[in-house]
Amino acid sequence: MKTIKALKWRYACKKFNPDKKISNKKLKRLKKSFQLTATSFGLFPIKMLIIENSKTKNILLEHAYYQKQVTDCSHLLVL
């Protein structure tokens, strides 16, 4: 039941502190979680890009409807 409870919990982060960075340990855990995600028929047609570069995040800002979170986050995960 812990899994179901965890899946039901959701939180949308509206603001990020641009001065805080995700630790490498947490970033590795996110990567591993993504790699272990179940997909149909065992196929994995999804890629995850991790963007840290501010210049790249600024370019993507327009395509994300100018949501400030795109540039304020320490790492932008693009699927």
N, C-alpha and C. Protein backbone atom coordinates (compact mmCIF):
# COMPACT_ATOMS: atom_id res chain seq x y z
N MET A 1 0.81 -1.21 0.00
CA MET A 1 0.00 0.00 0.00
C MET A 1 0.85 1.26 0.00
N LYS A 2 2.09 1.18 0.44
CA LYS A 2 2.94 2.36 0.44
C LYS A 2 3.13 2.89 -0.97
N THR A 3 3.22 1.98 -1.94
CA THR A 3 3.42 2.39 -3.33
C THR A 3 2.22 3.17 -3.84
N ILE A 4 1.01 2.66 -3.58
CA ILE A 4 -0.21 3.33 -4.02
C ILE A 4 -0.32 4.70 -3.37
N LYS A 5 -0.04 4.75 -2.09
CA LYS A 5 -0.11 6.02 -1.36
C LYS A 5 0.90 7.01 -1.95
N ALA A 6 2.07 6.55 -2.25
CA ALA A 6 3.10 7.42 -2.84
C ALA A 6 2.68 7.91 -4.22
N LEU A 7 2.05 7.04 -5.01
CA LEU A 7 1.61 7.43 -6.35
C LEU A 7 0.46 8.43 -6.31
N LYS A 8 -0.36 8.37 -5.28
CA LYS A 8 -1.49 9.30 -5.16
C LYS A 8 -1.03 10.69 -4.72
N TRP A 9 0.11 10.77 -4.07
CA TRP A 9 0.62 12.05 -3.59
C TRP A 9 1.20 12.83 -4.76
N ARG A 10 0.76 14.06 -4.91
CA ARG A 10 1.29 14.91 -5.98
C ARG A 10 1.54 16.29 -5.43
N TYR A 11 2.54 16.92 -5.99
CA TYR A 11 2.85 18.28 -5.59
C TYR A 11 3.44 19.01 -6.78
N ALA A 12 2.84 20.12 -7.13
CA ALA A 12 3.36 20.93 -8.24
C ALA A 12 4.17 22.08 -7.65
N CYS A 13 5.43 22.10 -7.95
CA CYS A 13 6.31 23.14 -7.45
C CYS A 13 6.13 24.39 -8.29
N LYS A 14 5.69 25.47 -7.67
CA LYS A 14 5.42 26.70 -8.40
C LYS A 14 6.64 27.61 -8.50
N LYS A 15 7.53 27.48 -7.53
CA LYS A 15 8.73 28.33 -7.50
C LYS A 15 9.94 27.49 -7.11
N PHE A 16 11.07 27.85 -7.68
CA PHE A 16 12.33 27.24 -7.31
C PHE A 16 13.25 28.32 -6.78
N ASN A 17 14.11 27.96 -5.86
CA ASN A 17 15.14 28.88 -5.39
C ASN A 17 16.32 28.72 -6.34
N PRO A 18 16.61 29.73 -7.17
CA PRO A 18 17.69 29.61 -8.15
C PRO A 18 19.07 29.40 -7.52
N ASP A 19 19.20 29.70 -6.23
CA ASP A 19 20.49 29.54 -5.56
C ASP A 19 20.73 28.12 -5.06
N LYS A 20 19.68 27.31 -5.02
CA LYS A 20 19.81 25.93 -4.55
C LYS A 20 20.01 24.99 -5.73
N LYS A 21 20.87 24.01 -5.53
CA LYS A 21 21.16 23.02 -6.56
C LYS A 21 20.83 21.62 -6.05
N ILE A 22 20.37 20.77 -6.94
CA ILE A 22 20.13 19.36 -6.59
C ILE A 22 21.48 18.68 -6.43
N SER A 23 21.62 17.90 -5.39
CA SER A 23 22.89 17.20 -5.17
C SER A 23 23.08 16.12 -6.23
N ASN A 24 24.32 15.75 -6.47
CA ASN A 24 24.61 14.69 -7.44
C ASN A 24 23.96 13.37 -7.02
N LYS A 25 23.91 13.12 -5.72
CA LYS A 25 23.30 11.89 -5.21
C LYS A 25 21.81 11.83 -5.58
N LYS A 26 21.09 12.93 -5.39
CA LYS A 26 19.67 12.98 -5.73
C LYS A 26 19.46 12.91 -7.24
N LEU A 27 20.34 13.55 -7.98
CA LEU A 27 20.24 13.52 -9.44
C LEU A 27 20.44 12.09 -9.96
N LYS A 28 21.39 11.37 -9.38
CA LYS A 28 21.62 9.97 -9.77
C LYS A 28 20.39 9.12 -9.45
N ARG A 29 19.75 9.40 -8.32
CA ARG A 29 18.54 8.66 -7.93
C ARG A 29 17.40 8.93 -8.92
N LEU A 30 17.26 10.18 -9.35
CA LEU A 30 16.25 10.51 -10.35
C LEU A 30 16.51 9.79 -11.67
N LYS A 31 17.77 9.77 -12.09
CA LYS A 31 18.14 9.07 -13.33
C LYS A 31 17.80 7.59 -13.23
N LYS A 32 18.15 6.98 -12.11
CA LYS A 32 17.91 5.55 -11.90
C LYS A 32 16.40 5.26 -11.88
N SER A 33 15.63 6.11 -11.22
CA SER A 33 14.17 5.94 -11.17
C SER A 33 13.58 5.99 -12.56
N PHE A 34 14.06 6.91 -13.37
CA PHE A 34 13.58 7.03 -14.75
C PHE A 34 13.92 5.78 -15.55
N GLN A 35 15.13 5.28 -15.38
CA GLN A 35 15.57 4.09 -16.12
C GLN A 35 14.76 2.85 -15.73
N LEU A 36 14.26 2.81 -14.51
CA LEU A 36 13.51 1.65 -14.02
C LEU A 36 12.00 1.77 -14.25
N THR A 37 11.57 2.86 -14.86
CA THR A 37 10.15 3.06 -15.13
C THR A 37 9.62 1.98 -16.07
N ALA A 38 8.49 1.42 -15.70
CA ALA A 38 7.88 0.37 -16.53
C ALA A 38 7.27 0.99 -17.79
N THR A 39 7.44 0.29 -18.90
CA THR A 39 6.85 0.74 -20.16
C THR A 39 6.16 -0.44 -20.84
N SER A 40 5.30 -0.14 -21.78
CA SER A 40 4.56 -1.16 -22.49
C SER A 40 5.48 -2.09 -23.27
N PHE A 41 5.28 -3.38 -23.12
CA PHE A 41 6.03 -4.43 -23.82
C PHE A 41 7.53 -4.37 -23.58
N GLY A 42 7.94 -3.69 -22.52
CA GLY A 42 9.36 -3.60 -22.22
C GLY A 42 10.11 -2.65 -23.13
N LEU A 43 9.37 -1.93 -23.97
CA LEU A 43 10.00 -0.94 -24.85
C LEU A 43 10.29 0.31 -24.05
N PHE A 44 11.25 1.05 -24.46
CA PHE A 44 11.57 2.28 -23.75
C PHE A 44 11.81 3.40 -24.77
N PRO A 45 10.70 3.91 -25.37
CA PRO A 45 10.84 4.91 -26.41
C PRO A 45 11.02 6.34 -25.88
N ILE A 46 11.32 6.45 -24.60
CA ILE A 46 11.43 7.77 -23.98
C ILE A 46 12.88 8.04 -23.61
N LYS A 47 13.31 9.26 -23.85
CA LYS A 47 14.64 9.70 -23.43
C LYS A 47 14.47 10.84 -22.45
N MET A 48 15.41 10.95 -21.53
CA MET A 48 15.40 12.06 -20.60
C MET A 48 16.68 12.85 -20.79
N LEU A 49 16.51 14.14 -21.00
CA LEU A 49 17.66 15.04 -21.08
C LEU A 49 17.71 15.84 -19.79
N ILE A 50 18.89 15.98 -19.24
CA ILE A 50 19.07 16.78 -18.03
C ILE A 50 19.85 18.03 -18.43
N ILE A 51 19.20 19.17 -18.29
CA ILE A 51 19.80 20.42 -18.73
C ILE A 51 20.16 21.27 -17.53
N GLU A 52 21.43 21.63 -17.44
CA GLU A 52 21.93 22.48 -16.37
C GLU A 52 22.33 23.86 -16.90
N ASN A 53 22.66 23.92 -18.17
CA ASN A 53 23.19 25.12 -18.78
C ASN A 53 22.14 26.23 -18.84
N SER A 54 22.44 27.39 -18.24
CA SER A 54 21.50 28.51 -18.18
C SER A 54 21.13 29.02 -19.56
N LYS A 55 22.09 29.06 -20.45
CA LYS A 55 21.83 29.56 -21.81
C LYS A 55 20.81 28.66 -22.51
N THR A 56 20.96 27.36 -22.37
CA THR A 56 20.03 26.41 -22.98
C THR A 56 18.65 26.53 -22.35
N LYS A 57 18.60 26.69 -21.02
CA LYS A 57 17.31 26.85 -20.35
C LYS A 57 16.60 28.12 -20.82
N ASN A 58 17.37 29.18 -21.05
CA ASN A 58 16.78 30.42 -21.56
C ASN A 58 16.20 30.24 -22.96
N ILE A 59 16.86 29.46 -23.78
CA ILE A 59 16.34 29.17 -25.13
C ILE A 59 15.03 28.40 -25.03
N LEU A 60 14.96 27.45 -24.09
CA LEU A 60 13.75 26.63 -23.93
C LEU A 60 12.60 27.38 -23.27
N LEU A 61 12.89 28.48 -22.61
CA LEU A 61 11.88 29.26 -21.89
C LEU A 61 10.71 29.62 -22.79
N GLU A 62 10.98 30.08 -24.00
CA GLU A 62 9.93 30.46 -24.95
C GLU A 62 9.01 29.28 -25.26
N HIS A 63 9.59 28.10 -25.38
CA HIS A 63 8.82 26.90 -25.73
C HIS A 63 8.04 26.35 -24.54
N ALA A 64 8.30 26.87 -23.37
CA ALA A 64 7.59 26.45 -22.16
C ALA A 64 6.64 27.56 -21.69
N TYR A 65 6.20 28.37 -22.65
CA TYR A 65 5.26 29.45 -22.37
C TYR A 65 5.76 30.40 -21.28
N TYR A 66 7.05 30.63 -21.28
CA TYR A 66 7.72 31.58 -20.38
C TYR A 66 7.47 31.29 -18.90
N GLN A 67 7.40 30.04 -18.55
CA GLN A 67 7.26 29.68 -17.14
C GLN A 67 8.61 29.83 -16.46
N LYS A 68 8.66 30.66 -15.46
CA LYS A 68 9.91 31.02 -14.78
C LYS A 68 10.64 29.81 -14.18
N GLN A 69 9.89 28.75 -13.87
CA GLN A 69 10.50 27.55 -13.28
C GLN A 69 11.57 26.96 -14.20
N VAL A 70 11.41 27.14 -15.49
CA VAL A 70 12.36 26.57 -16.47
C VAL A 70 13.76 27.15 -16.27
N THR A 71 13.84 28.42 -15.97
CA THR A 71 15.16 29.03 -15.78
C THR A 71 15.61 29.03 -14.32
N ASP A 72 14.67 28.94 -13.40
CA ASP A 72 15.03 28.98 -11.97
C ASP A 72 15.48 27.63 -11.42
N CYS A 73 15.09 26.55 -12.05
CA CYS A 73 15.44 25.22 -11.53
C CYS A 73 16.94 24.95 -11.72
N SER A 74 17.48 24.11 -10.86
CA SER A 74 18.91 23.80 -10.99
C SER A 74 19.16 22.85 -12.15
N HIS A 75 18.25 21.91 -12.37
CA HIS A 75 18.35 20.94 -13.46
C HIS A 75 16.97 20.82 -14.10
N LEU A 76 16.91 20.97 -15.39
CA LEU A 76 15.65 20.84 -16.12
C LEU A 76 15.61 19.45 -16.75
N LEU A 77 14.61 18.66 -16.37
CA LEU A 77 14.47 17.32 -16.92
C LEU A 77 13.47 17.38 -18.07
N VAL A 78 13.93 17.05 -19.26
CA VAL A 78 13.09 17.10 -20.45
C VAL A 78 12.87 15.68 -20.93
N LEU A 79 11.61 15.29 -21.09
CA LEU A 79 11.28 13.95 -21.57
C LEU A 79 10.84 14.01 -23.01
